Amino acid sequence: MDLRVVDADLLFGAAHHFVHQLDHFSAAHRVVAFDQRGHGGTSKAGDGRYGFETTADDAATLCAALGIERPVVVGHSLGGVSAIELARR
């Protein structure tokens, strides 16, 4: 997983899609940018799973590992659907 923690908690699902937003929001917030499995700087998923439920699981795991309890989540395309699934939980 390609992960960049810039500095309260904005979580972006495809780091390269949000370069300008990362620059802007990181001035006042902790920003976590990651590439979902099989996208950007990540390798293919070993288990072959890429659905929005799986990618939401990945984001939830990342949040737990970083101690982020209520992130503001932004995603693009599949990342947007994954963000909705994460918020639904």
N, C-alpha and C. Protein backbone atom coordinates (compact mmCIF):
# COMPACT_ATOMS: atom_id res chain seq x y z
N MET A 1 0.85 -1.16 0.00
CA MET A 1 0.00 0.00 0.00
C MET A 1 0.90 1.23 0.00
N ASP A 2 0.66 2.14 -0.90
CA ASP A 2 1.38 3.41 -0.94
C ASP A 2 0.66 4.35 0.01
N LEU A 3 1.32 4.81 1.08
CA LEU A 3 0.68 5.60 2.11
C LEU A 3 1.50 6.83 2.40
N ARG A 4 0.83 7.98 2.43
CA ARG A 4 1.48 9.22 2.83
C ARG A 4 0.62 9.88 3.90
N VAL A 5 1.19 10.10 5.08
CA VAL A 5 0.49 10.83 6.12
C VAL A 5 1.09 12.22 6.14
N VAL A 6 0.30 13.22 5.82
CA VAL A 6 0.82 14.58 5.73
C VAL A 6 0.72 15.27 7.08
N ASP A 7 -0.21 15.39 7.73
CA ASP A 7 -0.26 15.95 9.09
C ASP A 7 -1.54 15.65 9.81
N ALA A 8 -6.21 16.39 11.38
CA ALA A 8 -7.24 15.70 11.77
C ALA A 8 -7.82 15.01 10.67
N ASP A 9 -8.29 14.64 10.12
CA ASP A 9 -8.21 13.38 9.46
C ASP A 9 -9.00 13.41 8.16
N LEU A 10 -8.35 13.66 7.10
CA LEU A 10 -8.95 13.56 5.78
C LEU A 10 -8.33 12.36 5.11
N LEU A 11 -9.15 11.49 4.59
CA LEU A 11 -8.66 10.25 4.02
C LEU A 11 -9.04 10.22 2.55
N PHE A 12 -8.06 10.13 1.68
CA PHE A 12 -8.30 10.13 0.25
C PHE A 12 -7.98 8.76 -0.32
N GLY A 13 -8.84 8.24 -1.20
CA GLY A 13 -8.70 6.88 -1.67
C GLY A 13 -7.81 6.64 -2.87
N ALA A 14 -7.34 7.63 -3.53
CA ALA A 14 -6.40 7.45 -4.64
C ALA A 14 -5.49 8.66 -4.64
N ALA A 15 -4.35 8.49 -4.07
CA ALA A 15 -3.46 9.63 -3.79
C ALA A 15 -3.20 10.51 -5.01
N HIS A 16 -2.96 9.92 -6.18
CA HIS A 16 -2.60 10.73 -7.34
C HIS A 16 -3.76 11.57 -7.89
N HIS A 17 -5.00 11.22 -7.55
CA HIS A 17 -6.15 12.00 -8.02
C HIS A 17 -6.33 13.30 -7.23
N PHE A 18 -5.68 13.40 -6.09
CA PHE A 18 -5.97 14.50 -5.16
C PHE A 18 -4.74 15.32 -4.78
N VAL A 19 -3.81 15.46 -5.68
CA VAL A 19 -2.56 16.17 -5.38
C VAL A 19 -2.83 17.59 -4.89
N HIS A 20 -3.67 18.34 -5.58
CA HIS A 20 -3.93 19.73 -5.21
C HIS A 20 -4.70 19.81 -3.90
N GLN A 21 -5.65 18.91 -3.68
CA GLN A 21 -6.40 18.90 -2.44
C GLN A 21 -5.50 18.55 -1.26
N LEU A 22 -4.57 17.62 -1.48
CA LEU A 22 -3.63 17.25 -0.42
C LEU A 22 -2.82 18.45 0.00
N ASP A 23 -2.32 19.20 -0.96
CA ASP A 23 -1.53 20.39 -0.66
C ASP A 23 -2.37 21.40 0.14
N HIS A 24 -3.59 21.63 -0.30
CA HIS A 24 -4.46 22.61 0.34
C HIS A 24 -4.82 22.20 1.77
N PHE A 25 -5.36 21.00 1.93
CA PHE A 25 -5.87 20.57 3.23
C PHE A 25 -4.78 20.25 4.24
N SER A 26 -3.62 19.87 3.78
CA SER A 26 -2.55 19.51 4.72
C SER A 26 -2.01 20.71 5.47
N ALA A 27 -2.33 21.92 5.02
CA ALA A 27 -1.89 23.11 5.74
C ALA A 27 -2.56 23.21 7.11
N ALA A 28 -3.76 22.66 7.25
CA ALA A 28 -4.51 22.79 8.51
C ALA A 28 -5.00 21.47 9.08
N HIS A 29 -4.79 20.36 8.36
CA HIS A 29 -5.33 19.07 8.79
C HIS A 29 -4.30 17.97 8.62
N ARG A 30 -4.50 16.92 9.35
CA ARG A 30 -3.74 15.70 9.10
C ARG A 30 -4.40 15.04 7.89
N VAL A 31 -3.64 14.78 6.88
CA VAL A 31 -4.17 14.19 5.66
C VAL A 31 -3.51 12.84 5.42
N VAL A 32 -4.32 11.83 5.23
CA VAL A 32 -3.82 10.49 4.93
C VAL A 32 -4.25 10.16 3.51
N ALA A 33 -3.30 9.92 2.66
CA ALA A 33 -3.60 9.58 1.27
C ALA A 33 -3.08 8.18 1.00
N PHE A 34 -3.91 7.34 0.45
CA PHE A 34 -3.47 5.98 0.13
C PHE A 34 -4.05 5.53 -1.19
N ASP A 35 -3.36 4.62 -1.81
CA ASP A 35 -3.86 4.00 -3.04
C ASP A 35 -4.54 2.70 -2.66
N GLN A 36 -5.73 2.50 -3.19
CA GLN A 36 -6.44 1.25 -2.94
C GLN A 36 -5.71 0.09 -3.62
N ARG A 37 -5.98 -1.09 -3.15
CA ARG A 37 -5.34 -2.28 -3.71
C ARG A 37 -5.48 -2.32 -5.23
N GLY A 38 -4.35 -2.58 -5.87
CA GLY A 38 -4.34 -2.69 -7.32
C GLY A 38 -4.35 -1.36 -8.07
N HIS A 39 -4.25 -0.26 -7.36
CA HIS A 39 -4.27 1.07 -7.99
C HIS A 39 -3.03 1.85 -7.58
N GLY A 40 -2.62 2.77 -8.44
CA GLY A 40 -1.49 3.64 -8.11
C GLY A 40 -0.24 2.85 -7.80
N GLY A 41 0.32 3.11 -6.62
CA GLY A 41 1.58 2.48 -6.23
C GLY A 41 1.44 1.13 -5.56
N THR A 42 0.24 0.55 -5.55
CA THR A 42 0.06 -0.74 -4.88
C THR A 42 0.21 -1.90 -5.87
N SER A 43 0.44 -3.06 -5.32
CA SER A 43 0.50 -4.26 -6.15
C SER A 43 -0.90 -4.84 -6.29
N LYS A 44 -1.03 -5.83 -7.14
CA LYS A 44 -2.31 -6.52 -7.30
C LYS A 44 -2.66 -7.23 -6.00
N ALA A 45 -3.96 -7.35 -5.73
CA ALA A 45 -4.41 -8.03 -4.52
C ALA A 45 -4.11 -9.52 -4.62
N GLY A 46 -3.44 -10.05 -3.61
CA GLY A 46 -3.11 -11.46 -3.60
C GLY A 46 -4.34 -12.36 -3.62
N ASP A 47 -5.43 -11.87 -3.00
CA ASP A 47 -6.65 -12.67 -2.95
C ASP A 47 -7.59 -12.38 -4.12
N GLY A 48 -7.20 -11.43 -4.99
CA GLY A 48 -8.00 -11.11 -6.16
C GLY A 48 -9.26 -10.32 -5.87
N ARG A 49 -9.42 -9.85 -4.65
CA ARG A 49 -10.64 -9.12 -4.26
C ARG A 49 -10.43 -7.62 -4.43
N TYR A 50 -11.37 -6.97 -5.16
CA TYR A 50 -11.28 -5.54 -5.43
C TYR A 50 -12.60 -4.81 -5.21
N GLY A 51 -13.61 -5.45 -4.70
CA GLY A 51 -14.92 -4.83 -4.54
C GLY A 51 -14.94 -3.72 -3.50
N PHE A 52 -15.99 -2.91 -3.54
CA PHE A 52 -16.06 -1.77 -2.63
C PHE A 52 -16.13 -2.18 -1.17
N GLU A 53 -16.71 -3.35 -0.87
CA GLU A 53 -16.73 -3.80 0.53
C GLU A 53 -15.31 -4.12 1.00
N THR A 54 -14.52 -4.73 0.14
CA THR A 54 -13.14 -5.06 0.48
C THR A 54 -12.29 -3.81 0.63
N THR A 55 -12.45 -2.85 -0.28
CA THR A 55 -11.66 -1.63 -0.19
C THR A 55 -12.09 -0.78 1.01
N ALA A 56 -13.38 -0.85 1.37
CA ALA A 56 -13.83 -0.18 2.61
C ALA A 56 -13.22 -0.86 3.82
N ASP A 57 -13.11 -2.19 3.78
CA ASP A 57 -12.43 -2.92 4.87
C ASP A 57 -10.99 -2.45 5.00
N ASP A 58 -10.31 -2.30 3.86
CA ASP A 58 -8.92 -1.83 3.88
C ASP A 58 -8.82 -0.45 4.52
N ALA A 59 -9.73 0.45 4.14
CA ALA A 59 -9.72 1.81 4.70
C ALA A 59 -10.00 1.78 6.20
N ALA A 60 -10.94 0.93 6.63
CA ALA A 60 -11.25 0.81 8.06
C ALA A 60 -10.04 0.27 8.83
N THR A 61 -9.35 -0.68 8.25
CA THR A 61 -8.14 -1.22 8.87
C THR A 61 -7.06 -0.15 8.99
N LEU A 62 -6.90 0.64 7.94
CA LEU A 62 -5.93 1.72 7.97
C LEU A 62 -6.29 2.75 9.04
N CYS A 63 -7.56 3.12 9.11
CA CYS A 63 -8.00 4.08 10.14
C CYS A 63 -7.72 3.54 11.54
N ALA A 64 -8.04 2.28 11.76
CA ALA A 64 -7.80 1.69 13.09
C ALA A 64 -6.31 1.71 13.43
N ALA A 65 -5.48 1.37 12.47
CA ALA A 65 -4.04 1.33 12.70
C ALA A 65 -3.49 2.72 13.02
N LEU A 66 -4.10 3.76 12.45
CA LEU A 66 -3.64 5.13 12.66
C LEU A 66 -4.38 5.84 13.80
N GLY A 67 -5.36 5.15 14.42
CA GLY A 67 -6.12 5.76 15.50
C GLY A 67 -7.10 6.82 15.04
N ILE A 68 -7.56 6.70 13.81
CA ILE A 68 -8.54 7.64 13.25
C ILE A 68 -9.93 7.05 13.46
N GLU A 69 -10.75 7.75 14.28
CA GLU A 69 -12.07 7.21 14.61
C GLU A 69 -13.19 7.71 13.71
N ARG A 70 -13.14 8.96 13.30
CA ARG A 70 -14.21 9.53 12.47
C ARG A 70 -13.61 10.34 11.33
N PRO A 71 -13.08 9.68 10.33
CA PRO A 71 -12.42 10.41 9.24
C PRO A 71 -13.42 11.11 8.32
N VAL A 72 -12.96 12.16 7.73
CA VAL A 72 -13.65 12.74 6.58
C VAL A 72 -13.06 11.98 5.39
N VAL A 73 -13.90 11.34 4.61
CA VAL A 73 -13.41 10.46 3.56
C VAL A 73 -13.82 11.00 2.19
N VAL A 74 -12.86 11.03 1.29
CA VAL A 74 -13.11 11.48 -0.08
C VAL A 74 -12.55 10.41 -1.01
N GLY A 75 -13.32 10.04 -2.00
CA GLY A 75 -12.84 9.05 -2.95
C GLY A 75 -13.30 9.38 -4.36
N HIS A 76 -12.64 8.78 -5.33
CA HIS A 76 -12.95 8.98 -6.75
C HIS A 76 -13.28 7.63 -7.36
N SER A 77 -14.35 7.55 -8.13
CA SER A 77 -14.74 6.33 -8.81
C SER A 77 -14.99 5.23 -7.78
N LEU A 78 -14.30 4.10 -7.88
CA LEU A 78 -14.47 3.03 -6.89
C LEU A 78 -14.19 3.55 -5.49
N GLY A 79 -13.25 4.47 -5.35
CA GLY A 79 -12.96 5.06 -4.04
C GLY A 79 -14.15 5.81 -3.47
N GLY A 80 -14.96 6.43 -4.33
CA GLY A 80 -16.16 7.11 -3.88
C GLY A 80 -17.19 6.13 -3.33
N VAL A 81 -17.38 5.01 -4.02
CA VAL A 81 -18.31 3.99 -3.55
C VAL A 81 -17.77 3.37 -2.25
N SER A 82 -16.47 3.17 -2.17
CA SER A 82 -15.86 2.63 -0.95
C SER A 82 -16.04 3.61 0.20
N ALA A 83 -15.93 4.91 -0.07
CA ALA A 83 -16.14 5.93 0.96
C ALA A 83 -17.57 5.88 1.49
N ILE A 84 -18.53 5.70 0.61
CA ILE A 84 -19.93 5.58 1.02
C ILE A 84 -20.13 4.34 1.88
N GLU A 85 -19.52 3.23 1.49
CA GLU A 85 -19.63 2.00 2.28
C GLU A 85 -18.99 2.19 3.66
N LEU A 86 -17.85 2.84 3.72
CA LEU A 86 -17.18 3.09 4.99
C LEU A 86 -18.07 3.97 5.87
N ALA A 87 -18.65 5.01 5.32
CA ALA A 87 -19.54 5.91 6.08
C ALA A 87 -20.79 5.18 6.55
N ARG A 88 -21.29 4.26 5.75
CA ARG A 88 -22.50 3.50 6.11
C ARG A 88 -22.29 2.70 7.39
N ARG A 89 -21.07 2.25 7.59
CA ARG A 89 -20.77 1.41 8.75
C ARG A 89 -20.81 2.22 10.02
